[in-house]
Structures are given as C-alpha cells and as structure tokens.
ModelCIF file with pLDDT and N, C-alpha, C, O atoms, coordinates in Angstrom:
data_MODEL
#
_entry.id   MODEL 
#
_entity.id                         1 
_entity.type                       polymer 
_entity.pdbx_number_of_molecules   1 
#
_entity_poly.entity_id                      1 
_entity_poly.type                           'polypeptide(L)' 
_entity_poly.nstd_linkage                   no 
_entity_poly.nstd_monomer                   no 
_entity_poly.pdbx_seq_one_letter_code       LSENPEQYEDAAIQGIRDVLGLTPGQAIPEDKIDAVKMGTT 
_entity_poly.pdbx_seq_one_letter_code_can   LSENPEQYEDAAIQGIRDVLGLTPGQAIPEDKIDAVKMGTT 
_entity_poly.pdbx_strand_id                 A 
#
loop_
_entity_poly_seq.entity_id 
_entity_poly_seq.num 
_entity_poly_seq.mon_id 
_entity_poly_seq.hetero 
1 1  LEU n 
1 2  SER n 
1 3  GLU n 
1 4  ASN n 
1 5  PRO n 
1 6  GLU n 
1 7  GLN n 
1 8  TYR n 
1 9  GLU n 
1 10 ASP n 
1 11 ALA n 
1 12 ALA n 
1 13 ILE n 
1 14 GLN n 
1 15 GLY n 
1 16 ILE n 
1 17 ARG n 
1 18 ASP n 
1 19 VAL n 
1 20 LEU n 
1 21 GLY n 
1 22 LEU n 
1 23 THR n 
1 24 PRO n 
1 25 GLY n 
1 26 GLN n 
1 27 ALA n 
1 28 ILE n 
1 29 PRO n 
1 30 GLU n 
1 31 ASP n 
1 32 LYS n 
1 33 ILE n 
1 34 ASP n 
1 35 ALA n 
1 36 VAL n 
1 37 LYS n 
1 38 MET n 
1 39 GLY n 
1 40 THR n 
1 41 THR n 
#
_struct_asym.id          A 
_struct_asym.entity_id   1 
#
loop_
_ma_qa_metric.id 
_ma_qa_metric.mode 
_ma_qa_metric.name 
_ma_qa_metric.software_group_id 
_ma_qa_metric.type 
1 global pLDDT . pLDDT 
2 local  pLDDT . pLDDT 
#
_ma_qa_metric_global.metric_id      1 
_ma_qa_metric_global.metric_value   92.88 
_ma_qa_metric_global.model_id       1 
_ma_qa_metric_global.ordinal_id     1 
#
loop_
_ma_qa_metric_local.label_asym_id 
_ma_qa_metric_local.label_comp_id 
_ma_qa_metric_local.label_seq_id 
_ma_qa_metric_local.metric_id 
_ma_qa_metric_local.metric_value 
_ma_qa_metric_local.model_id 
_ma_qa_metric_local.ordinal_id 
A LEU 1  2 96.00 1 1  
A SER 2  2 93.00 1 2  
A GLU 3  2 93.00 1 3  
A ASN 4  2 95.00 1 4  
A PRO 5  2 94.00 1 5  
A GLU 6  2 94.00 1 6  
A GLN 7  2 93.00 1 7  
A TYR 8  2 94.00 1 8  
A GLU 9  2 93.00 1 9  
A ASP 10 2 94.00 1 10 
A ALA 11 2 95.00 1 11 
A ALA 12 2 95.00 1 12 
A ILE 13 2 95.00 1 13 
A GLN 14 2 95.00 1 14 
A GLY 15 2 95.00 1 15 
A ILE 16 2 96.00 1 16 
A ARG 17 2 95.00 1 17 
A ASP 18 2 95.00 1 18 
A VAL 19 2 95.00 1 19 
A LEU 20 2 95.00 1 20 
A GLY 21 2 94.00 1 21 
A LEU 22 2 94.00 1 22 
A THR 23 2 90.00 1 23 
A PRO 24 2 85.00 1 24 
A GLY 25 2 85.00 1 25 
A GLN 26 2 91.00 1 26 
A ALA 27 2 92.00 1 27 
A ILE 28 2 93.00 1 28 
A PRO 29 2 92.00 1 29 
A GLU 30 2 90.00 1 30 
A ASP 31 2 91.00 1 31 
A LYS 32 2 92.00 1 32 
A ILE 33 2 94.00 1 33 
A ASP 34 2 93.00 1 34 
A ALA 35 2 94.00 1 35 
A VAL 36 2 95.00 1 36 
A LYS 37 2 95.00 1 37 
A MET 38 2 93.00 1 38 
A GLY 39 2 92.00 1 39 
A THR 40 2 88.00 1 40 
A THR 41 2 85.00 1 41 
#
loop_
_atom_site.group_PDB 
_atom_site.id 
_atom_site.type_symbol 
_atom_site.label_atom_id 
_atom_site.label_alt_id 
_atom_site.label_comp_id 
_atom_site.label_asym_id 
_atom_site.label_entity_id 
_atom_site.label_seq_id 
_atom_site.pdbx_PDB_ins_code 
_atom_site.Cartn_x 
_atom_site.Cartn_y 
_atom_site.Cartn_z 
_atom_site.occupancy 
_atom_site.B_iso_or_equiv 
_atom_site.pdbx_formal_charge 
_atom_site.auth_seq_id 
_atom_site.auth_comp_id 
_atom_site.auth_asym_id 
_atom_site.auth_atom_id 
_atom_site.pdbx_PDB_model_num 
ATOM 1   N N  . LEU A 1 1  ? 0.663  -0.983 0.406   1.00 96.00 ? 1  LEU A N  1 
ATOM 2   C CA . LEU A 1 1  ? 0.222  -0.187 -0.493  1.00 96.00 ? 1  LEU A CA 1 
ATOM 3   C C  . LEU A 1 1  ? 1.173  1.824  0.164   1.00 96.00 ? 1  LEU A C  1 
ATOM 4   O O  . LEU A 1 1  ? 1.761  2.322  1.124   1.00 96.00 ? 1  LEU A O  1 
ATOM 5   N N  . SER A 1 2  ? 0.735  2.125  -1.049  1.00 93.00 ? 2  SER A N  1 
ATOM 6   C CA . SER A 1 2  ? 1.795  3.727  -1.380  1.00 93.00 ? 2  SER A CA 1 
ATOM 7   C C  . SER A 1 2  ? 1.345  4.620  1.056   1.00 93.00 ? 2  SER A C  1 
ATOM 8   O O  . SER A 1 2  ? 2.095  5.253  1.798   1.00 93.00 ? 2  SER A O  1 
ATOM 9   N N  . GLU A 1 3  ? -0.194 4.094  1.285   1.00 93.00 ? 3  GLU A N  1 
ATOM 10  C CA . GLU A 1 3  ? 0.322  5.089  2.518   1.00 93.00 ? 3  GLU A CA 1 
ATOM 11  C C  . GLU A 1 3  ? -0.070 4.039  2.867   1.00 93.00 ? 3  GLU A C  1 
ATOM 12  O O  . GLU A 1 3  ? -0.687 3.389  2.022   1.00 93.00 ? 3  GLU A O  1 
ATOM 13  N N  . ASN A 1 4  ? 0.216  3.152  4.907   1.00 95.00 ? 4  ASN A N  1 
ATOM 14  C CA . ASN A 1 4  ? 0.492  3.106  5.226   1.00 95.00 ? 4  ASN A CA 1 
ATOM 15  C C  . ASN A 1 4  ? 0.867  3.269  6.709   1.00 95.00 ? 4  ASN A C  1 
ATOM 16  O O  . ASN A 1 4  ? 1.506  2.425  7.339   1.00 95.00 ? 4  ASN A O  1 
ATOM 17  N N  . PRO A 1 5  ? 0.332  4.632  7.296   1.00 94.00 ? 5  PRO A N  1 
ATOM 18  C CA . PRO A 1 5  ? 1.133  4.748  8.682   1.00 94.00 ? 5  PRO A CA 1 
ATOM 19  C C  . PRO A 1 5  ? 1.623  4.092  10.043  1.00 94.00 ? 5  PRO A C  1 
ATOM 20  O O  . PRO A 1 5  ? 2.431  4.413  10.914  1.00 94.00 ? 5  PRO A O  1 
ATOM 21  N N  . GLU A 1 6  ? 0.798  3.066  9.833   1.00 94.00 ? 6  GLU A N  1 
ATOM 22  C CA . GLU A 1 6  ? 1.033  2.010  11.626  1.00 94.00 ? 6  GLU A CA 1 
ATOM 23  C C  . GLU A 1 6  ? 1.931  1.347  10.790  1.00 94.00 ? 6  GLU A C  1 
ATOM 24  O O  . GLU A 1 6  ? 1.911  0.311  11.455  1.00 94.00 ? 6  GLU A O  1 
ATOM 25  N N  . GLN A 1 7  ? 2.776  1.060  9.796   1.00 93.00 ? 7  GLN A N  1 
ATOM 26  C CA . GLN A 1 7  ? 3.498  -0.126 9.062   1.00 93.00 ? 7  GLN A CA 1 
ATOM 27  C C  . GLN A 1 7  ? 5.005  0.697  9.316   1.00 93.00 ? 7  GLN A C  1 
ATOM 28  O O  . GLN A 1 7  ? 6.004  0.667  10.034  1.00 93.00 ? 7  GLN A O  1 
ATOM 29  N N  . TYR A 1 8  ? 4.327  1.522  8.062   1.00 94.00 ? 8  TYR A N  1 
ATOM 30  C CA . TYR A 1 8  ? 5.556  2.279  7.336   1.00 94.00 ? 8  TYR A CA 1 
ATOM 31  C C  . TYR A 1 8  ? 5.554  4.058  5.911   1.00 94.00 ? 8  TYR A C  1 
ATOM 32  O O  . TYR A 1 8  ? 5.013  4.607  4.951   1.00 94.00 ? 8  TYR A O  1 
ATOM 33  N N  . GLU A 1 9  ? 6.783  4.093  7.065   1.00 93.00 ? 9  GLU A N  1 
ATOM 34  C CA . GLU A 1 9  ? 6.060  5.693  6.864   1.00 93.00 ? 9  GLU A CA 1 
ATOM 35  C C  . GLU A 1 9  ? 6.571  6.526  4.844   1.00 93.00 ? 9  GLU A C  1 
ATOM 36  O O  . GLU A 1 9  ? 6.116  7.457  4.179   1.00 93.00 ? 9  GLU A O  1 
ATOM 37  N N  . ASP A 1 10 ? 7.570  5.604  4.651   1.00 94.00 ? 10 ASP A N  1 
ATOM 38  C CA . ASP A 1 10 ? 7.869  5.237  2.743   1.00 94.00 ? 10 ASP A CA 1 
ATOM 39  C C  . ASP A 1 10 ? 7.334  3.159  1.769   1.00 94.00 ? 10 ASP A C  1 
ATOM 40  O O  . ASP A 1 10 ? 7.617  1.981  1.555   1.00 94.00 ? 10 ASP A O  1 
ATOM 41  N N  . ALA A 1 11 ? 6.452  4.279  1.617   1.00 95.00 ? 11 ALA A N  1 
ATOM 42  C CA . ALA A 1 11 ? 6.509  2.264  0.491   1.00 95.00 ? 11 ALA A CA 1 
ATOM 43  C C  . ALA A 1 11 ? 7.487  2.004  -0.075  1.00 95.00 ? 11 ALA A C  1 
ATOM 44  O O  . ALA A 1 11 ? 8.001  0.900  0.106   1.00 95.00 ? 11 ALA A O  1 
ATOM 45  N N  . ALA A 1 12 ? 8.049  2.920  -0.927  1.00 95.00 ? 12 ALA A N  1 
ATOM 46  C CA . ALA A 1 12 ? 9.285  1.927  -1.501  1.00 95.00 ? 12 ALA A CA 1 
ATOM 47  C C  . ALA A 1 12 ? 10.441 1.797  -0.922  1.00 95.00 ? 12 ALA A C  1 
ATOM 48  O O  . ALA A 1 12 ? 11.117 0.933  -1.481  1.00 95.00 ? 12 ALA A O  1 
ATOM 49  N N  . ILE A 1 13 ? 11.298 2.630  0.565   1.00 95.00 ? 13 ILE A N  1 
ATOM 50  C CA . ILE A 1 13 ? 12.658 2.238  1.189   1.00 95.00 ? 13 ILE A CA 1 
ATOM 51  C C  . ILE A 1 13 ? 11.217 1.287  1.727   1.00 95.00 ? 13 ILE A C  1 
ATOM 52  O O  . ILE A 1 13 ? 10.436 1.460  0.791   1.00 95.00 ? 13 ILE A O  1 
ATOM 53  N N  . GLN A 1 14 ? 10.900 0.885  2.189   1.00 95.00 ? 14 GLN A N  1 
ATOM 54  C CA . GLN A 1 14 ? 9.714  -0.020 2.590   1.00 95.00 ? 14 GLN A CA 1 
ATOM 55  C C  . GLN A 1 14 ? 9.681  -1.647 2.456   1.00 95.00 ? 14 GLN A C  1 
ATOM 56  O O  . GLN A 1 14 ? 9.850  -2.559 3.265   1.00 95.00 ? 14 GLN A O  1 
ATOM 57  N N  . GLY A 1 15 ? 9.279  -1.570 0.568   1.00 95.00 ? 15 GLY A N  1 
ATOM 58  C CA . GLY A 1 15 ? 9.656  -2.713 -0.372  1.00 95.00 ? 15 GLY A CA 1 
ATOM 59  C C  . GLY A 1 15 ? 10.989 -2.894 -0.270  1.00 95.00 ? 15 GLY A C  1 
ATOM 60  O O  . GLY A 1 15 ? 11.263 -4.018 0.152   1.00 95.00 ? 15 GLY A O  1 
ATOM 61  N N  . ILE A 1 16 ? 12.075 -2.092 -0.536  1.00 96.00 ? 16 ILE A N  1 
ATOM 62  C CA . ILE A 1 16 ? 12.965 -2.598 -0.222  1.00 96.00 ? 16 ILE A CA 1 
ATOM 63  C C  . ILE A 1 16 ? 13.878 -2.914 0.905   1.00 96.00 ? 16 ILE A C  1 
ATOM 64  O O  . ILE A 1 16 ? 15.095 -2.747 0.986   1.00 96.00 ? 16 ILE A O  1 
ATOM 65  N N  . ARG A 1 17 ? 13.414 -3.183 1.373   1.00 95.00 ? 17 ARG A N  1 
ATOM 66  C CA . ARG A 1 17 ? 13.855 -3.725 2.465   1.00 95.00 ? 17 ARG A CA 1 
ATOM 67  C C  . ARG A 1 17 ? 12.657 -4.341 3.351   1.00 95.00 ? 17 ARG A C  1 
ATOM 68  O O  . ARG A 1 17 ? 12.486 -4.322 4.570   1.00 95.00 ? 17 ARG A O  1 
ATOM 69  N N  . ASP A 1 18 ? 11.995 -4.818 2.451   1.00 95.00 ? 18 ASP A N  1 
ATOM 70  C CA . ASP A 1 18 ? 11.517 -5.947 2.458   1.00 95.00 ? 18 ASP A CA 1 
ATOM 71  C C  . ASP A 1 18 ? 12.085 -7.199 1.831   1.00 95.00 ? 18 ASP A C  1 
ATOM 72  O O  . ASP A 1 18 ? 12.153 -8.291 2.396   1.00 95.00 ? 18 ASP A O  1 
ATOM 73  N N  . VAL A 1 19 ? 12.509 -6.909 0.536   1.00 95.00 ? 19 VAL A N  1 
ATOM 74  C CA . VAL A 1 19 ? 13.104 -7.767 -0.755  1.00 95.00 ? 19 VAL A CA 1 
ATOM 75  C C  . VAL A 1 19 ? 14.470 -7.905 0.240   1.00 95.00 ? 19 VAL A C  1 
ATOM 76  O O  . VAL A 1 19 ? 15.314 -8.692 -0.186  1.00 95.00 ? 19 VAL A O  1 
ATOM 77  N N  . LEU A 1 20 ? 14.710 -7.377 1.235   1.00 95.00 ? 20 LEU A N  1 
ATOM 78  C CA . LEU A 1 20 ? 16.395 -8.023 1.032   1.00 95.00 ? 20 LEU A CA 1 
ATOM 79  C C  . LEU A 1 20 ? 16.390 -8.023 2.437   1.00 95.00 ? 20 LEU A C  1 
ATOM 80  O O  . LEU A 1 20 ? 17.407 -7.574 2.966   1.00 95.00 ? 20 LEU A O  1 
ATOM 81  N N  . GLY A 1 21 ? 15.013 -8.630 3.547   1.00 94.00 ? 21 GLY A N  1 
ATOM 82  C CA . GLY A 1 21 ? 15.157 -9.263 5.086   1.00 94.00 ? 21 GLY A CA 1 
ATOM 83  C C  . GLY A 1 21 ? 15.511 -8.213 5.299   1.00 94.00 ? 21 GLY A C  1 
ATOM 84  O O  . GLY A 1 21 ? 16.725 -8.133 5.113   1.00 94.00 ? 21 GLY A O  1 
ATOM 85  N N  . LEU A 1 22 ? 15.126 -7.420 5.570   1.00 94.00 ? 22 LEU A N  1 
ATOM 86  C CA . LEU A 1 22 ? 15.883 -6.496 7.127   1.00 94.00 ? 22 LEU A CA 1 
ATOM 87  C C  . LEU A 1 22 ? 15.652 -6.632 8.175   1.00 94.00 ? 22 LEU A C  1 
ATOM 88  O O  . LEU A 1 22 ? 14.448 -6.699 7.932   1.00 94.00 ? 22 LEU A O  1 
ATOM 89  N N  . THR A 1 23 ? 15.709 -6.812 9.821   1.00 90.00 ? 23 THR A N  1 
ATOM 90  C CA . THR A 1 23 ? 14.684 -6.059 10.673  1.00 90.00 ? 23 THR A CA 1 
ATOM 91  C C  . THR A 1 23 ? 14.331 -5.232 11.243  1.00 90.00 ? 23 THR A C  1 
ATOM 92  O O  . THR A 1 23 ? 15.120 -5.448 12.164  1.00 90.00 ? 23 THR A O  1 
ATOM 93  N N  . PRO A 1 24 ? 13.660 -4.153 11.664  1.00 85.00 ? 24 PRO A N  1 
ATOM 94  C CA . PRO A 1 24 ? 12.710 -3.246 12.116  1.00 85.00 ? 24 PRO A CA 1 
ATOM 95  C C  . PRO A 1 24 ? 14.074 -2.025 12.790  1.00 85.00 ? 24 PRO A C  1 
ATOM 96  O O  . PRO A 1 24 ? 14.572 -2.082 13.914  1.00 85.00 ? 24 PRO A O  1 
ATOM 97  N N  . GLY A 1 25 ? 14.364 -1.127 11.820  1.00 85.00 ? 25 GLY A N  1 
ATOM 98  C CA . GLY A 1 25 ? 15.736 -0.650 12.346  1.00 85.00 ? 25 GLY A CA 1 
ATOM 99  C C  . GLY A 1 25 ? 16.633 -1.077 11.834  1.00 85.00 ? 25 GLY A C  1 
ATOM 100 O O  . GLY A 1 25 ? 17.432 -0.141 11.791  1.00 85.00 ? 25 GLY A O  1 
ATOM 101 N N  . GLN A 1 26 ? 17.148 -2.073 11.305  1.00 91.00 ? 26 GLN A N  1 
ATOM 102 C CA . GLN A 1 26 ? 18.202 -2.065 10.177  1.00 91.00 ? 26 GLN A CA 1 
ATOM 103 C C  . GLN A 1 26 ? 19.114 -1.081 9.514   1.00 91.00 ? 26 GLN A C  1 
ATOM 104 O O  . GLN A 1 26 ? 18.513 -0.022 9.691   1.00 91.00 ? 26 GLN A O  1 
ATOM 105 N N  . ALA A 1 27 ? 19.908 -0.879 9.036   1.00 92.00 ? 27 ALA A N  1 
ATOM 106 C CA . ALA A 1 27 ? 20.028 0.064  7.771   1.00 92.00 ? 27 ALA A CA 1 
ATOM 107 C C  . ALA A 1 27 ? 20.239 -0.803 6.745   1.00 92.00 ? 27 ALA A C  1 
ATOM 108 O O  . ALA A 1 27 ? 20.706 -1.942 6.778   1.00 92.00 ? 27 ALA A O  1 
ATOM 109 N N  . ILE A 1 28 ? 19.809 -0.081 5.731   1.00 93.00 ? 28 ILE A N  1 
ATOM 110 C CA . ILE A 1 28 ? 20.273 -0.729 4.202   1.00 93.00 ? 28 ILE A CA 1 
ATOM 111 C C  . ILE A 1 28 ? 21.050 -1.039 3.903   1.00 93.00 ? 28 ILE A C  1 
ATOM 112 O O  . ILE A 1 28 ? 20.964 -0.648 2.739   1.00 93.00 ? 28 ILE A O  1 
ATOM 113 N N  . PRO A 1 29 ? 22.402 -1.758 3.991   1.00 92.00 ? 29 PRO A N  1 
ATOM 114 C CA . PRO A 1 29 ? 22.692 -1.624 3.218   1.00 92.00 ? 29 PRO A CA 1 
ATOM 115 C C  . PRO A 1 29 ? 23.654 -1.493 1.608   1.00 92.00 ? 29 PRO A C  1 
ATOM 116 O O  . PRO A 1 29 ? 23.929 -2.278 0.701   1.00 92.00 ? 29 PRO A O  1 
ATOM 117 N N  . GLU A 1 30 ? 23.981 0.202  1.959   1.00 90.00 ? 30 GLU A N  1 
ATOM 118 C CA . GLU A 1 30 ? 23.361 1.158  0.379   1.00 90.00 ? 30 GLU A CA 1 
ATOM 119 C C  . GLU A 1 30 ? 25.240 0.359  -0.451  1.00 90.00 ? 30 GLU A C  1 
ATOM 120 O O  . GLU A 1 30 ? 25.866 0.813  -1.409  1.00 90.00 ? 30 GLU A O  1 
ATOM 121 N N  . ASP A 1 31 ? 25.530 -0.674 0.282   1.00 91.00 ? 31 ASP A N  1 
ATOM 122 C CA . ASP A 1 31 ? 27.192 -0.617 -0.677  1.00 91.00 ? 31 ASP A CA 1 
ATOM 123 C C  . ASP A 1 31 ? 26.924 -1.795 -1.965  1.00 91.00 ? 31 ASP A C  1 
ATOM 124 O O  . ASP A 1 31 ? 27.682 -2.159 -2.863  1.00 91.00 ? 31 ASP A O  1 
ATOM 125 N N  . LYS A 1 32 ? 25.735 -2.141 -1.681  1.00 92.00 ? 32 LYS A N  1 
ATOM 126 C CA . LYS A 1 32 ? 25.004 -3.716 -1.898  1.00 92.00 ? 32 LYS A CA 1 
ATOM 127 C C  . LYS A 1 32 ? 24.515 -3.833 -3.117  1.00 92.00 ? 32 LYS A C  1 
ATOM 128 O O  . LYS A 1 32 ? 24.544 -4.641 -4.046  1.00 92.00 ? 32 LYS A O  1 
ATOM 129 N N  . ILE A 1 33 ? 23.734 -2.073 -2.681  1.00 94.00 ? 33 ILE A N  1 
ATOM 130 C CA . ILE A 1 33 ? 22.012 -1.851 -4.208  1.00 94.00 ? 33 ILE A CA 1 
ATOM 131 C C  . ILE A 1 33 ? 23.302 -1.376 -4.704  1.00 94.00 ? 33 ILE A C  1 
ATOM 132 O O  . ILE A 1 33 ? 24.173 -0.982 -3.928  1.00 94.00 ? 33 ILE A O  1 
ATOM 133 N N  . ASP A 1 34 ? 23.542 -1.417 -6.730  1.00 93.00 ? 34 ASP A N  1 
ATOM 134 C CA . ASP A 1 34 ? 23.466 -0.966 -7.524  1.00 93.00 ? 34 ASP A CA 1 
ATOM 135 C C  . ASP A 1 34 ? 23.391 0.195  -7.922  1.00 93.00 ? 34 ASP A C  1 
ATOM 136 O O  . ASP A 1 34 ? 24.145 1.048  -8.392  1.00 93.00 ? 34 ASP A O  1 
ATOM 137 N N  . ALA A 1 35 ? 21.591 0.005  -7.460  1.00 94.00 ? 35 ALA A N  1 
ATOM 138 C CA . ALA A 1 35 ? 21.009 0.737  -8.681  1.00 94.00 ? 35 ALA A CA 1 
ATOM 139 C C  . ALA A 1 35 ? 19.071 1.274  -8.101  1.00 94.00 ? 35 ALA A C  1 
ATOM 140 O O  . ALA A 1 35 ? 18.156 0.479  -7.886  1.00 94.00 ? 35 ALA A O  1 
ATOM 141 N N  . VAL A 1 36 ? 19.036 2.078  -8.046  1.00 95.00 ? 36 VAL A N  1 
ATOM 142 C CA . VAL A 1 36 ? 16.635 2.086  -7.578  1.00 95.00 ? 36 VAL A CA 1 
ATOM 143 C C  . VAL A 1 36 ? 16.517 3.845  -8.126  1.00 95.00 ? 36 VAL A C  1 
ATOM 144 O O  . VAL A 1 36 ? 16.852 5.018  -7.961  1.00 95.00 ? 36 VAL A O  1 
ATOM 145 N N  . LYS A 1 37 ? 15.808 2.918  -8.829  1.00 95.00 ? 37 LYS A N  1 
ATOM 146 C CA . LYS A 1 37 ? 14.433 3.432  -10.735 1.00 95.00 ? 37 LYS A CA 1 
ATOM 147 C C  . LYS A 1 37 ? 12.842 3.263  -9.735  1.00 95.00 ? 37 LYS A C  1 
ATOM 148 O O  . LYS A 1 37 ? 12.086 2.439  -9.218  1.00 95.00 ? 37 LYS A O  1 
ATOM 149 N N  . MET A 1 38 ? 13.106 4.928  -9.991  1.00 93.00 ? 38 MET A N  1 
ATOM 150 C CA . MET A 1 38 ? 10.853 5.105  -9.821  1.00 93.00 ? 38 MET A CA 1 
ATOM 151 C C  . MET A 1 38 ? 10.410 5.772  -10.499 1.00 93.00 ? 38 MET A C  1 
ATOM 152 O O  . MET A 1 38 ? 11.052 6.727  -10.935 1.00 93.00 ? 38 MET A O  1 
ATOM 153 N N  . GLY A 1 39 ? 9.527  5.606  -10.748 1.00 92.00 ? 39 GLY A N  1 
ATOM 154 C CA . GLY A 1 39 ? 8.240  6.163  -11.476 1.00 92.00 ? 39 GLY A CA 1 
ATOM 155 C C  . GLY A 1 39 ? 7.603  6.384  -10.211 1.00 92.00 ? 39 GLY A C  1 
ATOM 156 O O  . GLY A 1 39 ? 7.838  5.858  -9.123  1.00 92.00 ? 39 GLY A O  1 
ATOM 157 N N  . THR A 1 40 ? 6.130  7.891  -10.772 1.00 88.00 ? 40 THR A N  1 
ATOM 158 C CA . THR A 1 40 ? 5.400  7.286  -10.090 1.00 88.00 ? 40 THR A CA 1 
ATOM 159 C C  . THR A 1 40 ? 4.148  8.713  -10.592 1.00 88.00 ? 40 THR A C  1 
ATOM 160 O O  . THR A 1 40 ? 4.278  9.905  -10.874 1.00 88.00 ? 40 THR A O  1 
ATOM 161 N N  . THR A 1 41 ? 3.130  7.870  -10.500 1.00 85.00 ? 41 THR A N  1 
ATOM 162 C CA . THR A 1 41 ? 2.432  9.076  -10.996 1.00 85.00 ? 41 THR A CA 1 
ATOM 163 C C  . THR A 1 41 ? 1.657  9.943  -9.439  1.00 85.00 ? 41 THR A C  1 
ATOM 164 O O  . THR A 1 41 ? 1.012  10.983 -9.568  1.00 85.00 ? 41 THR A O  1 
#
C-alpha cells in the first residue's frame, strides 16, 4: 500500500527493506545496491 502509516513511513523504502529481509531499525546496505529507479504518478 502506498499509504500505510501504521506499518511504515515510505512504501518504496519499506519495499526495499522487505525484499532485502531487513529487520526493523536495520540500516539499508547501500554498498550492496547498484541502482534504484522509481516512476510515480
């Protein structure tokens, strides 16, 4: 869901965190990410 304030602040960042299997509070490992490309309406 693009808006789900009870679960997360930002859907795109949460999606990345979920895919990487990160625990709450764990930093996103930028050195392991080659590119993030986003389109939006």
